[in-house]
Every structure is written in structure tokens, then in C-alpha cells.
Amino acid sequence: LGNYVTLYALGAPETPPLAPSGAQFTNGPRLVGFAFEPAVARPGDVVYLTLQWEAGVPLSLDYTVFTPLLWPDGTVLTQSDSQPVSGTRPTTSWQPGELIVDRYALLIPADTPPGDYALEIGLYDLPTNTRLTLAEPGAPDHLILGTIRLEP
């Protein structure tokens, strides 16, 4: 069939109202806030995700953000991985205290059955594929932001 590229218009550059977050990644940035829409979608729709990051200290590695939408059993339905701001703002370029607005679009496959799907995010070092964990002791290497409900 050949290769193809899908481009998404991420909408107006304004930052939507963000839900606050204090999620700190070990040796990485803090997620200040996030928003996603729609919370109720249909197969074939696009879910738009906005993340706002802040580095407390200069970061020594360029992290990649992963944003999977998960089946109820935890496997990946669809996912977008990218360095922040579509690859234009690697984390080593962030200044302490600077707020970075980072946007993603996730296409829900047209054959996806109705149900509740978890939206997850996290960060990893691409060369080593090592994920950052959240800073709390025993914390996981990802954060669930919420649920997208798919209706027929």
C-alpha cells in the first residue's frame, strides 16, 4: 500500500484551561497542568492533548514524551511519541522556571469499540529507552490523566 503521513491541525495556539498537576518526574520536569478534549468521543475522532511543563533545574537529557490511549486491559490503542513541542523544544533547551506548552493529537481508530480508555503520559530517554519515574517513592513510570469515553 505504500507509506503515508498523517498531519493534524492542533487548533488555535491559545492554551485551553488546564487542570492543575504537581506531578514531578525524577531527574526531569514537572507537569504543571494538562487538558484533553473531547472527554467523550467516537471512533475516528481525534483527541487533543495539551501539557504544560516546567523544569526546576537545567535538564541534561532530551526526553521524549509518550501519550498512549489505552484499551481497558492496559494495552496501547493509539499513541504519539515526540520530543516536546513537535520536536522543536528539546528538554535540554528549557530554562528553570520556564513554562512549556506541549500539544498532541491522537487519532482513535475507526474500528474501536465503545468503552472507557485511559489517557496516559510519561517521559523517556530515547537512546536508552529508559522511562522516568514519578518522584514519589515506589511511584510508576507514567501518569494517568483521565479517561476518554468512546460512544458508537
N, C-alpha and C. Protein backbone atom coordinates (compact mmCIF):
# COMPACT_ATOMS: atom_id res chain seq x y z
N LEU A 1 0.79 -1.20 0.00
CA LEU A 1 0.00 0.00 0.00
C LEU A 1 0.84 1.26 0.00
N GLY A 2 2.05 1.22 0.45
CA GLY A 2 2.88 2.42 0.47
C GLY A 2 2.83 3.13 1.80
N ASN A 3 3.70 4.08 1.94
CA ASN A 3 3.79 4.87 3.17
C ASN A 3 2.90 6.08 3.08
N TYR A 4 2.50 6.58 4.23
CA TYR A 4 1.71 7.80 4.27
C TYR A 4 2.03 8.56 5.55
N VAL A 5 1.72 9.83 5.53
CA VAL A 5 1.91 10.70 6.68
C VAL A 5 0.58 11.32 7.01
N THR A 6 0.23 11.34 8.28
CA THR A 6 -0.99 12.00 8.72
C THR A 6 -0.61 13.26 9.48
N LEU A 7 -1.17 14.38 9.08
CA LEU A 7 -0.93 15.64 9.77
C LEU A 7 -2.20 16.07 10.48
N TYR A 8 -2.04 16.62 11.67
CA TYR A 8 -3.18 17.09 12.44
C TYR A 8 -3.03 18.58 12.67
N ALA A 9 -4.09 19.32 12.45
CA ALA A 9 -4.12 20.72 12.84
C ALA A 9 -4.44 20.76 14.31
N LEU A 10 -3.55 21.32 15.11
CA LEU A 10 -3.72 21.29 16.56
C LEU A 10 -4.56 22.46 17.06
N GLY A 11 -5.24 23.13 16.17
CA GLY A 11 -6.15 24.18 16.59
C GLY A 11 -5.45 25.48 16.89
N ALA A 12 -6.18 26.38 17.48
CA ALA A 12 -5.67 27.71 17.79
C ALA A 12 -4.51 27.60 18.79
N PRO A 13 -3.57 28.55 18.73
CA PRO A 13 -2.42 28.48 19.62
C PRO A 13 -2.71 28.81 21.08
N GLU A 14 -3.94 29.24 21.40
CA GLU A 14 -4.26 29.55 22.78
C GLU A 14 -4.19 28.28 23.63
N THR A 15 -3.76 28.45 24.85
CA THR A 15 -3.73 27.33 25.78
C THR A 15 -5.12 27.19 26.40
N PRO A 16 -5.72 25.98 26.32
CA PRO A 16 -7.04 25.79 26.94
C PRO A 16 -6.91 25.86 28.46
N PRO A 17 -8.03 25.99 29.17
CA PRO A 17 -7.97 25.92 30.64
C PRO A 17 -7.35 24.57 31.05
N LEU A 18 -6.39 24.62 31.92
CA LEU A 18 -5.65 23.42 32.31
C LEU A 18 -6.06 22.95 33.70
N ALA A 19 -6.16 21.63 33.84
CA ALA A 19 -6.32 21.03 35.16
C ALA A 19 -4.94 21.07 35.82
N PRO A 20 -4.86 21.50 37.06
CA PRO A 20 -3.54 21.57 37.70
C PRO A 20 -2.97 20.19 37.98
N SER A 21 -1.66 20.12 37.94
CA SER A 21 -0.94 18.89 38.26
C SER A 21 0.36 19.28 38.95
N GLY A 22 0.76 18.50 39.88
CA GLY A 22 2.05 18.72 40.54
C GLY A 22 2.97 17.55 40.31
N ALA A 23 2.68 16.75 39.28
CA ALA A 23 3.45 15.53 39.04
C ALA A 23 4.89 15.87 38.69
N GLN A 24 5.81 15.46 39.53
CA GLN A 24 7.24 15.69 39.32
C GLN A 24 7.88 14.39 38.88
N PHE A 25 8.60 14.42 37.76
CA PHE A 25 9.33 13.25 37.30
C PHE A 25 10.75 13.29 37.85
N THR A 26 11.25 12.17 38.35
CA THR A 26 12.58 12.08 38.92
C THR A 26 13.62 12.50 37.88
N ASN A 27 14.47 13.45 38.26
CA ASN A 27 15.52 13.98 37.37
C ASN A 27 14.96 14.57 36.09
N GLY A 28 13.71 14.98 36.12
CA GLY A 28 13.07 15.52 34.93
C GLY A 28 12.17 16.69 35.27
N PRO A 29 11.28 17.03 34.37
CA PRO A 29 10.42 18.19 34.57
C PRO A 29 9.21 17.87 35.45
N ARG A 30 8.49 18.92 35.77
CA ARG A 30 7.23 18.82 36.50
C ARG A 30 6.11 19.11 35.52
N LEU A 31 5.04 18.30 35.56
CA LEU A 31 3.84 18.58 34.79
C LEU A 31 3.02 19.57 35.60
N VAL A 32 2.90 20.80 35.09
CA VAL A 32 2.21 21.87 35.80
C VAL A 32 0.70 21.73 35.62
N GLY A 33 0.27 21.40 34.38
CA GLY A 33 -1.15 21.28 34.09
C GLY A 33 -1.37 20.54 32.79
N PHE A 34 -2.64 20.18 32.54
CA PHE A 34 -2.97 19.44 31.32
C PHE A 34 -4.44 19.67 30.98
N ALA A 35 -4.75 19.41 29.73
CA ALA A 35 -6.14 19.43 29.25
C ALA A 35 -6.24 18.46 28.09
N PHE A 36 -7.39 17.80 27.97
CA PHE A 36 -7.65 16.99 26.77
C PHE A 36 -9.11 17.13 26.41
N GLU A 37 -9.35 17.03 25.11
CA GLU A 37 -10.73 17.10 24.61
C GLU A 37 -10.82 16.34 23.31
N PRO A 38 -11.93 15.74 23.05
CA PRO A 38 -13.11 15.65 23.91
C PRO A 38 -12.94 14.53 24.93
N ALA A 39 -13.71 14.61 26.01
CA ALA A 39 -13.73 13.54 27.02
C ALA A 39 -14.65 12.41 26.58
N VAL A 40 -15.61 12.73 25.70
CA VAL A 40 -16.49 11.73 25.09
C VAL A 40 -16.28 11.85 23.59
N ALA A 41 -15.90 10.74 22.96
CA ALA A 41 -15.55 10.76 21.54
C ALA A 41 -16.18 9.59 20.82
N ARG A 42 -15.97 9.55 19.53
CA ARG A 42 -16.44 8.45 18.69
C ARG A 42 -15.24 7.87 17.93
N PRO A 43 -15.33 6.62 17.52
CA PRO A 43 -14.26 6.07 16.69
C PRO A 43 -14.03 6.98 15.48
N GLY A 44 -12.76 7.21 15.16
CA GLY A 44 -12.39 8.08 14.05
C GLY A 44 -12.14 9.52 14.47
N ASP A 45 -12.52 9.89 15.70
CA ASP A 45 -12.28 11.23 16.20
C ASP A 45 -10.80 11.40 16.57
N VAL A 46 -10.41 12.65 16.76
CA VAL A 46 -9.07 12.99 17.24
C VAL A 46 -9.21 13.57 18.64
N VAL A 47 -8.38 13.08 19.55
CA VAL A 47 -8.31 13.62 20.91
C VAL A 47 -7.12 14.57 20.95
N TYR A 48 -7.37 15.80 21.40
CA TYR A 48 -6.32 16.81 21.51
C TYR A 48 -5.87 16.91 22.96
N LEU A 49 -4.56 16.87 23.15
CA LEU A 49 -3.97 16.88 24.48
C LEU A 49 -3.00 18.05 24.58
N THR A 50 -3.13 18.83 25.65
CA THR A 50 -2.20 19.92 25.93
C THR A 50 -1.55 19.64 27.28
N LEU A 51 -0.22 19.71 27.31
CA LEU A 51 0.55 19.52 28.53
C LEU A 51 1.33 20.81 28.79
N GLN A 52 1.46 21.18 30.05
CA GLN A 52 2.30 22.33 30.39
C GLN A 52 3.37 21.84 31.35
N TRP A 53 4.62 22.00 30.95
CA TRP A 53 5.78 21.51 31.68
C TRP A 53 6.57 22.66 32.28
N GLU A 54 7.34 22.33 33.32
CA GLU A 54 8.30 23.27 33.89
C GLU A 54 9.50 22.49 34.39
N ALA A 55 10.69 22.97 34.05
CA ALA A 55 11.92 22.38 34.57
C ALA A 55 12.35 23.19 35.78
N GLY A 56 12.60 22.52 36.90
CA GLY A 56 13.08 23.22 38.09
C GLY A 56 14.56 23.52 38.02
N VAL A 57 15.27 22.67 37.30
CA VAL A 57 16.72 22.80 37.11
C VAL A 57 17.02 22.50 35.65
N PRO A 58 18.19 22.89 35.15
CA PRO A 58 18.54 22.52 33.77
C PRO A 58 18.54 20.99 33.62
N LEU A 59 17.99 20.51 32.51
CA LEU A 59 17.92 19.07 32.26
C LEU A 59 19.07 18.65 31.36
N SER A 60 19.69 17.53 31.68
CA SER A 60 20.89 17.10 30.95
C SER A 60 20.58 16.16 29.79
N LEU A 61 19.34 15.66 29.71
CA LEU A 61 18.96 14.75 28.62
C LEU A 61 17.75 15.30 27.89
N ASP A 62 17.65 14.97 26.61
CA ASP A 62 16.48 15.34 25.80
C ASP A 62 15.47 14.21 25.88
N TYR A 63 14.41 14.43 26.66
CA TYR A 63 13.41 13.40 26.87
C TYR A 63 12.35 13.42 25.79
N THR A 64 11.79 12.26 25.53
CA THR A 64 10.67 12.09 24.61
C THR A 64 9.42 11.87 25.45
N VAL A 65 8.33 12.51 25.05
CA VAL A 65 7.05 12.37 25.74
C VAL A 65 6.25 11.27 25.05
N PHE A 66 5.67 10.36 25.83
CA PHE A 66 4.76 9.36 25.25
C PHE A 66 3.36 9.63 25.76
N THR A 67 2.37 9.45 24.87
CA THR A 67 0.98 9.80 25.19
C THR A 67 0.02 8.72 24.68
N PRO A 68 0.07 7.52 25.25
CA PRO A 68 -0.83 6.47 24.75
C PRO A 68 -2.26 6.60 25.27
N LEU A 69 -3.19 6.15 24.44
CA LEU A 69 -4.56 5.92 24.85
C LEU A 69 -4.67 4.41 24.97
N LEU A 70 -5.12 3.93 26.14
CA LEU A 70 -5.03 2.51 26.47
C LEU A 70 -6.38 1.80 26.43
N TRP A 71 -6.36 0.58 25.88
CA TRP A 71 -7.50 -0.32 25.97
C TRP A 71 -7.79 -0.58 27.44
N PRO A 72 -8.99 -1.03 27.78
CA PRO A 72 -9.30 -1.35 29.19
C PRO A 72 -8.33 -2.36 29.81
N ASP A 73 -7.71 -3.23 28.99
CA ASP A 73 -6.75 -4.20 29.55
C ASP A 73 -5.34 -3.62 29.71
N GLY A 74 -5.15 -2.32 29.36
CA GLY A 74 -3.86 -1.66 29.54
C GLY A 74 -2.96 -1.67 28.32
N THR A 75 -3.33 -2.35 27.25
CA THR A 75 -2.51 -2.32 26.05
C THR A 75 -2.80 -1.03 25.27
N VAL A 76 -1.85 -0.66 24.41
CA VAL A 76 -1.94 0.60 23.69
C VAL A 76 -2.92 0.50 22.52
N LEU A 77 -3.88 1.42 22.49
CA LEU A 77 -4.80 1.56 21.36
C LEU A 77 -4.19 2.45 20.31
N THR A 78 -3.73 3.62 20.72
CA THR A 78 -3.07 4.58 19.83
C THR A 78 -2.10 5.38 20.67
N GLN A 79 -1.07 5.93 20.04
CA GLN A 79 -0.03 6.61 20.81
C GLN A 79 0.69 7.63 19.95
N SER A 80 1.18 8.68 20.58
CA SER A 80 2.02 9.67 19.93
C SER A 80 3.25 9.88 20.80
N ASP A 81 4.44 9.67 20.25
CA ASP A 81 5.69 9.93 20.95
C ASP A 81 6.40 11.06 20.22
N SER A 82 6.91 12.03 20.98
CA SER A 82 7.61 13.15 20.37
C SER A 82 8.41 13.87 21.42
N GLN A 83 9.53 14.47 20.99
CA GLN A 83 10.15 15.44 21.87
C GLN A 83 9.18 16.61 21.98
N PRO A 84 9.21 17.34 23.08
CA PRO A 84 8.22 18.40 23.31
C PRO A 84 8.12 19.42 22.17
N VAL A 85 6.89 19.93 22.04
CA VAL A 85 6.54 20.97 21.06
C VAL A 85 6.94 20.51 19.65
N SER A 86 6.47 19.30 19.31
CA SER A 86 6.72 18.70 17.98
C SER A 86 8.21 18.63 17.64
N GLY A 87 9.03 18.40 18.65
CA GLY A 87 10.46 18.26 18.44
C GLY A 87 11.23 19.57 18.40
N THR A 88 10.54 20.69 18.58
CA THR A 88 11.21 21.99 18.46
C THR A 88 11.77 22.52 19.78
N ARG A 89 11.39 21.91 20.90
CA ARG A 89 11.87 22.36 22.21
C ARG A 89 12.40 21.18 23.02
N PRO A 90 13.57 20.66 22.64
CA PRO A 90 14.14 19.56 23.43
C PRO A 90 14.31 20.01 24.89
N THR A 91 14.18 19.06 25.80
CA THR A 91 14.18 19.41 27.22
C THR A 91 15.50 20.04 27.67
N THR A 92 16.60 19.79 26.99
CA THR A 92 17.86 20.43 27.37
C THR A 92 17.86 21.93 27.06
N SER A 93 16.89 22.40 26.28
CA SER A 93 16.80 23.84 25.97
C SER A 93 15.94 24.60 26.98
N TRP A 94 15.28 23.89 27.89
CA TRP A 94 14.39 24.54 28.84
C TRP A 94 15.18 25.27 29.92
N GLN A 95 14.73 26.46 30.25
CA GLN A 95 15.34 27.24 31.33
C GLN A 95 14.55 26.99 32.62
N PRO A 96 15.22 26.92 33.75
CA PRO A 96 14.49 26.74 35.01
C PRO A 96 13.41 27.80 35.17
N GLY A 97 12.20 27.34 35.51
CA GLY A 97 11.07 28.23 35.70
C GLY A 97 10.28 28.53 34.44
N GLU A 98 10.82 28.21 33.27
CA GLU A 98 10.12 28.45 32.01
C GLU A 98 8.96 27.46 31.87
N LEU A 99 7.81 27.96 31.43
CA LEU A 99 6.65 27.09 31.20
C LEU A 99 6.60 26.73 29.72
N ILE A 100 6.50 25.45 29.43
CA ILE A 100 6.49 24.93 28.07
C ILE A 100 5.11 24.34 27.79
N VAL A 101 4.43 24.84 26.76
CA VAL A 101 3.14 24.30 26.34
C VAL A 101 3.40 23.31 25.21
N ASP A 102 2.94 22.09 25.40
CA ASP A 102 3.26 20.95 24.54
C ASP A 102 1.95 20.29 24.12
N ARG A 103 1.72 20.18 22.79
CA ARG A 103 0.42 19.71 22.30
C ARG A 103 0.56 18.45 21.45
N TYR A 104 -0.47 17.58 21.57
CA TYR A 104 -0.50 16.30 20.87
C TYR A 104 -1.90 16.05 20.30
N ALA A 105 -1.96 15.20 19.29
CA ALA A 105 -3.24 14.77 18.72
C ALA A 105 -3.19 13.25 18.58
N LEU A 106 -4.24 12.59 19.05
CA LEU A 106 -4.32 11.13 18.99
C LEU A 106 -5.56 10.74 18.18
N LEU A 107 -5.35 10.05 17.07
CA LEU A 107 -6.45 9.57 16.24
C LEU A 107 -6.97 8.26 16.80
N ILE A 108 -8.26 8.21 17.08
CA ILE A 108 -8.88 6.98 17.56
C ILE A 108 -9.25 6.14 16.34
N PRO A 109 -8.72 4.92 16.24
CA PRO A 109 -9.04 4.09 15.07
C PRO A 109 -10.54 3.93 14.87
N ALA A 110 -10.95 3.93 13.61
CA ALA A 110 -12.37 3.88 13.24
C ALA A 110 -13.07 2.61 13.70
N ASP A 111 -12.33 1.53 13.93
CA ASP A 111 -12.95 0.26 14.33
C ASP A 111 -12.89 0.02 15.84
N THR A 112 -12.61 1.06 16.63
CA THR A 112 -12.50 0.91 18.07
C THR A 112 -13.89 0.74 18.70
N PRO A 113 -14.08 -0.30 19.53
CA PRO A 113 -15.39 -0.50 20.17
C PRO A 113 -15.64 0.53 21.26
N PRO A 114 -16.91 0.76 21.60
CA PRO A 114 -17.24 1.69 22.69
C PRO A 114 -16.62 1.21 24.00
N GLY A 115 -16.40 2.16 24.89
CA GLY A 115 -15.85 1.83 26.20
C GLY A 115 -15.05 2.99 26.75
N ASP A 116 -14.42 2.76 27.90
CA ASP A 116 -13.59 3.77 28.56
C ASP A 116 -12.13 3.44 28.31
N TYR A 117 -11.38 4.45 27.87
CA TYR A 117 -9.97 4.29 27.52
C TYR A 117 -9.14 5.29 28.31
N ALA A 118 -8.10 4.82 28.98
CA ALA A 118 -7.26 5.68 29.82
C ALA A 118 -6.25 6.43 28.97
N LEU A 119 -6.06 7.71 29.30
CA LEU A 119 -5.06 8.55 28.65
C LEU A 119 -3.87 8.67 29.59
N GLU A 120 -2.70 8.24 29.12
CA GLU A 120 -1.50 8.15 29.94
C GLU A 120 -0.42 9.05 29.35
N ILE A 121 0.48 9.54 30.18
CA ILE A 121 1.66 10.24 29.68
C ILE A 121 2.87 9.80 30.48
N GLY A 122 4.02 10.06 29.91
CA GLY A 122 5.28 9.82 30.59
C GLY A 122 6.41 10.34 29.74
N LEU A 123 7.63 10.16 30.24
CA LEU A 123 8.84 10.63 29.57
C LEU A 123 9.87 9.52 29.53
N TYR A 124 10.66 9.49 28.46
CA TYR A 124 11.74 8.52 28.40
C TYR A 124 12.92 9.09 27.63
N ASP A 125 14.08 8.50 27.87
CA ASP A 125 15.31 8.83 27.15
C ASP A 125 15.36 7.91 25.93
N LEU A 126 15.23 8.47 24.75
CA LEU A 126 15.13 7.67 23.53
C LEU A 126 16.34 6.75 23.29
N PRO A 127 17.59 7.22 23.43
CA PRO A 127 18.72 6.31 23.16
C PRO A 127 18.75 5.07 24.04
N THR A 128 18.31 5.19 25.30
CA THR A 128 18.36 4.04 26.20
C THR A 128 16.99 3.41 26.43
N ASN A 129 15.92 4.09 25.97
CA ASN A 129 14.54 3.66 26.18
C ASN A 129 14.20 3.56 27.67
N THR A 130 14.88 4.36 28.50
CA THR A 130 14.67 4.36 29.94
C THR A 130 13.62 5.40 30.29
N ARG A 131 12.55 4.96 30.96
CA ARG A 131 11.49 5.87 31.37
C ARG A 131 11.83 6.53 32.70
N LEU A 132 11.38 7.78 32.83
CA LEU A 132 11.47 8.47 34.11
C LEU A 132 10.31 8.01 34.99
N THR A 133 10.59 7.88 36.27
CA THR A 133 9.52 7.56 37.22
C THR A 133 9.04 8.86 37.86
N LEU A 134 7.86 8.80 38.42
CA LEU A 134 7.39 9.92 39.22
C LEU A 134 8.22 9.96 40.50
N ALA A 135 8.34 11.15 41.10
CA ALA A 135 9.30 11.36 42.17
C ALA A 135 8.94 10.71 43.51
N GLU A 136 7.69 10.30 43.72
CA GLU A 136 7.33 9.69 44.99
C GLU A 136 7.94 8.29 45.10
N PRO A 137 8.33 7.86 46.30
CA PRO A 137 8.89 6.52 46.45
C PRO A 137 7.92 5.45 45.94
N GLY A 138 8.43 4.53 45.15
CA GLY A 138 7.63 3.44 44.61
C GLY A 138 6.67 3.85 43.51
N ALA A 139 6.81 5.07 43.02
CA ALA A 139 5.87 5.59 42.01
C ALA A 139 6.11 4.94 40.66
N PRO A 140 5.08 4.93 39.80
CA PRO A 140 5.20 4.32 38.48
C PRO A 140 5.98 5.22 37.51
N ASP A 141 6.15 4.73 36.30
CA ASP A 141 6.87 5.47 35.27
C ASP A 141 5.92 6.14 34.28
N HIS A 142 4.71 6.43 34.72
CA HIS A 142 3.70 7.08 33.88
C HIS A 142 2.66 7.73 34.77
N LEU A 143 1.81 8.53 34.15
CA LEU A 143 0.75 9.21 34.86
C LEU A 143 -0.53 9.06 34.05
N ILE A 144 -1.60 8.61 34.67
CA ILE A 144 -2.91 8.54 34.01
C ILE A 144 -3.59 9.89 34.20
N LEU A 145 -3.90 10.56 33.08
CA LEU A 145 -4.51 11.89 33.14
C LEU A 145 -6.02 11.82 33.28
N GLY A 146 -6.63 10.76 32.79
CA GLY A 146 -8.08 10.64 32.82
C GLY A 146 -8.56 9.60 31.85
N THR A 147 -9.86 9.63 31.58
CA THR A 147 -10.49 8.62 30.74
C THR A 147 -11.21 9.30 29.58
N ILE A 148 -11.07 8.69 28.41
CA ILE A 148 -11.85 9.08 27.24
C ILE A 148 -12.93 8.02 27.07
N ARG A 149 -14.17 8.45 27.04
CA ARG A 149 -15.30 7.52 26.81
C ARG A 149 -15.62 7.50 25.32
N LEU A 150 -15.59 6.31 24.74
CA LEU A 150 -15.95 6.16 23.33
C LEU A 150 -17.38 5.68 23.23
N GLU A 151 -18.15 6.39 22.44
CA GLU A 151 -19.53 6.01 22.18
C GLU A 151 -19.68 5.67 20.71
N PRO A 152 -20.67 4.82 20.37
CA PRO A 152 -20.82 4.44 18.95
C PRO A 152 -21.26 5.62 18.08
